[in-house]
Amino acid sequence: QVPLVESGGGLEQPGGSLRLSCTASLLTFNLYDMAWFRQAPGKGREFVARITSNGDSTDYTSSVKGRFTISRDNFKNVVYLQMNNLNPEDTAVYYCNSLNAARSPLWSWGQGTPVTVSS
């Protein structure tokens, strides 16, 4: 399994921004597509965004399109999620992972980073 460490979450007001980071301890990080998922209170974990191994393609769940941007730095083994124009529905614990074609996670989950959007 691959150790995953997410960070950058916190409390933000509606309309605000946060940048999440995820570090993967993996020598072959650059070979894997990476993704962000989130789990809101009382709900299941859902896919948020994906980026290909070399960063040339991304896709997003419809509710975050135009507001969130996923990116990566293969030299640092880090994947980012820039979240703008946050709203209360974005409140969740955010996790990163690699994923297969069915958008199922490949590795064990990290501890996640909590994001709370509230005035």
C-alpha atoms as a PDB file:
ATOM      1  CA  GLN A   1       0.000   0.000   0.000  1.00  0.00           C
ATOM      2  CA  VAL A   2       0.958   3.591  -0.573  1.00  0.00           C
ATOM      3  CA  PRO A   3       1.052   6.087   2.291  1.00  0.00           C
ATOM      4  CA  LEU A   4      -1.096   9.087   1.413  1.00  0.00           C
ATOM      5  CA  VAL A   5      -1.025  12.314   3.425  1.00  0.00           C
ATOM      6  CA  GLU A   6      -3.600  15.003   2.738  1.00  0.00           C
ATOM      7  CA  SER A   7      -3.394  18.542   4.097  1.00  0.00           C
ATOM      8  CA  GLY A   8      -4.686  22.061   3.593  1.00  0.00           C
ATOM      9  CA  GLY A   9      -8.246  21.747   4.810  1.00  0.00           C
ATOM     10  CA  GLY A  10      -9.912  24.056   7.268  1.00  0.00           C
ATOM     11  CA  LEU A  11     -12.816  26.389   7.899  1.00  0.00           C
ATOM     12  CA  GLU A  12     -13.682  28.782   5.101  1.00  0.00           C
ATOM     13  CA  GLN A  13     -16.561  31.141   4.421  1.00  0.00           C
ATOM     14  CA  PRO A  14     -18.842  30.699   1.407  1.00  0.00           C
ATOM     15  CA  GLY A  15     -17.170  32.156  -1.651  1.00  0.00           C
ATOM     16  CA  GLY A  16     -13.720  31.576  -0.223  1.00  0.00           C
ATOM     17  CA  SER A  17     -10.845  29.423  -1.449  1.00  0.00           C
ATOM     18  CA  LEU A  18      -8.675  26.617  -0.155  1.00  0.00           C
ATOM     19  CA  ARG A  19      -5.819  24.640  -1.662  1.00  0.00           C
ATOM     20  CA  LEU A  20      -5.474  21.009  -0.690  1.00  0.00           C
ATOM     21  CA  SER A  21      -2.295  18.986  -1.050  1.00  0.00           C
ATOM     22  CA  CYS A  22      -1.686  15.255  -1.070  1.00  0.00           C
ATOM     23  CA  THR A  23       1.712  13.609  -0.885  1.00  0.00           C
ATOM     24  CA  ALA A  24       2.152  10.015  -1.996  1.00  0.00           C
ATOM     25  CA  SER A  25       5.193   8.070  -0.839  1.00  0.00           C
ATOM     26  CA  LEU A  26       5.752   6.227  -4.068  1.00  0.00           C
ATOM     27  CA  LEU A  27       8.778   6.169  -6.374  1.00  0.00           C
ATOM     28  CA  THR A  28       6.574   5.564  -9.413  1.00  0.00           C
ATOM     29  CA  PHE A  29       4.078   8.334  -8.603  1.00  0.00           C
ATOM     30  CA  ASN A  30       4.435   9.687 -12.123  1.00  0.00           C
ATOM     31  CA  LEU A  31       2.948   6.486 -13.572  1.00  0.00           C
ATOM     32  CA  TYR A  32      -0.410   6.786 -11.819  1.00  0.00           C
ATOM     33  CA  ASP A  33      -3.518   8.789 -12.492  1.00  0.00           C
ATOM     34  CA  MET A  34      -4.517  10.556  -9.284  1.00  0.00           C
ATOM     35  CA  ALA A  35      -7.834  11.771  -7.955  1.00  0.00           C
ATOM     36  CA  TRP A  36      -9.566  13.581  -5.161  1.00  0.00           C
ATOM     37  CA  PHE A  37     -12.602  12.156  -3.438  1.00  0.00           C
ATOM     38  CA  ARG A  38     -14.733  13.558  -0.641  1.00  0.00           C
ATOM     39  CA  GLN A  39     -17.111  12.304   1.995  1.00  0.00           C
ATOM     40  CA  ALA A  40     -19.715  14.666   3.378  1.00  0.00           C
ATOM     41  CA  PRO A  41     -21.237  14.059   6.818  1.00  0.00           C
ATOM     42  CA  GLY A  42     -23.670  11.177   6.670  1.00  0.00           C
ATOM     43  CA  LYS A  43     -22.943  10.415   3.015  1.00  0.00           C
ATOM     44  CA  GLY A  44     -20.815   8.034   1.038  1.00  0.00           C
ATOM     45  CA  ARG A  45     -17.471   8.891  -0.495  1.00  0.00           C
ATOM     46  CA  GLU A  46     -17.715  10.467  -3.933  1.00  0.00           C
ATOM     47  CA  PHE A  47     -15.368  11.211  -6.800  1.00  0.00           C
ATOM     48  CA  VAL A  48     -14.397  14.877  -7.186  1.00  0.00           C
ATOM     49  CA  ALA A  49     -11.607  15.214  -9.751  1.00  0.00           C
ATOM     50  CA  ARG A  50      -9.007  13.209 -11.651  1.00  0.00           C
ATOM     51  CA  ILE A  51      -5.728  13.992 -13.350  1.00  0.00           C
ATOM     52  CA  THR A  52      -3.777  11.729 -15.655  1.00  0.00           C
ATOM     53  CA  SER A  53      -0.294  10.511 -14.799  1.00  0.00           C
ATOM     54  CA  ASN A  54       1.466  13.196 -16.843  1.00  0.00           C
ATOM     55  CA  GLY A  55      -1.075  15.896 -16.052  1.00  0.00           C
ATOM     56  CA  ASP A  56      -2.298  16.361 -19.612  1.00  0.00           C
ATOM     57  CA  SER A  57      -5.938  15.638 -18.910  1.00  0.00           C
ATOM     58  CA  THR A  58      -8.367  16.285 -16.082  1.00  0.00           C
ATOM     59  CA  ASP A  59     -12.021  15.701 -15.366  1.00  0.00           C
ATOM     60  CA  TYR A  60     -14.387  16.732 -12.624  1.00  0.00           C
ATOM     61  CA  THR A  61     -17.700  15.872 -11.124  1.00  0.00           C
ATOM     62  CA  SER A  62     -20.314  18.301 -12.398  1.00  0.00           C
ATOM     63  CA  SER A  63     -20.869  20.085  -9.080  1.00  0.00           C
ATOM     64  CA  VAL A  64     -17.278  21.398  -8.944  1.00  0.00           C
ATOM     65  CA  LYS A  65     -16.604  22.155 -12.618  1.00  0.00           C
ATOM     66  CA  GLY A  66     -15.396  25.697 -13.077  1.00  0.00           C
ATOM     67  CA  ARG A  67     -14.645  26.078  -9.363  1.00  0.00           C
ATOM     68  CA  PHE A  68     -12.058  23.378  -8.572  1.00  0.00           C
ATOM     69  CA  THR A  69      -8.771  22.694 -10.330  1.00  0.00           C
ATOM     70  CA  ILE A  70      -6.691  19.557  -9.899  1.00  0.00           C
ATOM     71  CA  SER A  71      -2.970  19.652 -10.656  1.00  0.00           C
ATOM     72  CA  ARG A  72       0.148  17.701  -9.800  1.00  0.00           C
ATOM     73  CA  ASP A  73       3.889  17.995  -9.394  1.00  0.00           C
ATOM     74  CA  ASN A  74       5.543  14.708 -10.288  1.00  0.00           C
ATOM     75  CA  PHE A  75       8.915  15.893  -9.010  1.00  0.00           C
ATOM     76  CA  LYS A  76       7.482  16.402  -5.537  1.00  0.00           C
ATOM     77  CA  ASN A  77       4.998  13.498  -5.625  1.00  0.00           C
ATOM     78  CA  VAL A  78       2.174  15.895  -4.826  1.00  0.00           C
ATOM     79  CA  VAL A  79      -1.325  16.336  -6.187  1.00  0.00           C
ATOM     80  CA  TYR A  80      -3.247  19.541  -5.480  1.00  0.00           C
ATOM     81  CA  LEU A  81      -6.865  20.612  -5.439  1.00  0.00           C
ATOM     82  CA  GLN A  82      -7.472  24.330  -5.760  1.00  0.00           C
ATOM     83  CA  MET A  83     -10.998  25.041  -4.574  1.00  0.00           C
ATOM     84  CA  ASN A  84     -12.559  28.405  -5.363  1.00  0.00           C
ATOM     85  CA  ASN A  85     -15.999  29.866  -4.752  1.00  0.00           C
ATOM     86  CA  LEU A  86     -16.657  27.347  -2.016  1.00  0.00           C
ATOM     87  CA  ASN A  87     -20.197  26.698  -0.861  1.00  0.00           C
ATOM     88  CA  PRO A  88     -21.594  24.807   2.148  1.00  0.00           C
ATOM     89  CA  GLU A  89     -22.248  21.735  -0.016  1.00  0.00           C
ATOM     90  CA  ASP A  90     -18.467  21.368  -0.373  1.00  0.00           C
ATOM     91  CA  THR A  91     -18.179  20.593   3.342  1.00  0.00           C
ATOM     92  CA  ALA A  92     -16.590  17.146   3.574  1.00  0.00           C
ATOM     93  CA  VAL A  93     -13.439  15.241   4.377  1.00  0.00           C
ATOM     94  CA  TYR A  94     -11.275  15.224   1.266  1.00  0.00           C
ATOM     95  CA  TYR A  95      -9.081  12.290   0.297  1.00  0.00           C
ATOM     96  CA  CYS A  96      -6.681  11.586  -2.527  1.00  0.00           C
ATOM     97  CA  ASN A  97      -5.973   8.237  -4.133  1.00  0.00           C
ATOM     98  CA  SER A  98      -5.106   6.679  -7.400  1.00  0.00           C
ATOM     99  CA  LEU A  99      -7.970   5.111  -9.292  1.00  0.00           C
ATOM    100  CA  ASN A 100      -8.792   2.623 -12.018  1.00  0.00           C
ATOM    101  CA  ALA A 101     -10.925   3.086 -15.098  1.00  0.00           C
ATOM    102  CA  ALA A 102     -14.066   2.526 -13.046  1.00  0.00           C
ATOM    103  CA  ARG A 103     -13.004   5.347 -10.718  1.00  0.00           C
ATOM    104  CA  SER A 104     -12.452   2.914  -7.882  1.00  0.00           C
ATOM    105  CA  PRO A 105      -9.527   3.634  -5.539  1.00  0.00           C
ATOM    106  CA  LEU A 106      -6.371   1.571  -5.868  1.00  0.00           C
ATOM    107  CA  TRP A 107      -4.818   2.077  -2.430  1.00  0.00           C
ATOM    108  CA  SER A 108      -5.797   2.294   1.203  1.00  0.00           C
ATOM    109  CA  TRP A 109      -7.206   5.629   2.251  1.00  0.00           C
ATOM    110  CA  GLY A 110      -5.209   8.245   4.116  1.00  0.00           C
ATOM    111  CA  GLN A 111      -6.590  10.239   7.017  1.00  0.00           C
ATOM    112  CA  GLY A 112      -8.082  12.876   4.744  1.00  0.00           C
ATOM    113  CA  THR A 113      -8.290  16.596   5.362  1.00  0.00           C
ATOM    114  CA  PRO A 114     -11.539  18.157   6.573  1.00  0.00           C
ATOM    115  CA  VAL A 115     -13.075  21.139   4.812  1.00  0.00           C
ATOM    116  CA  THR A 116     -15.882  23.113   6.413  1.00  0.00           C
ATOM    117  CA  VAL A 117     -17.631  25.881   4.520  1.00  0.00           C
ATOM    118  CA  SER A 118     -19.760  27.995   6.786  1.00  0.00           C
ATOM    119  CA  SER A 119     -20.465  31.610   7.588  1.00  0.00           C
END
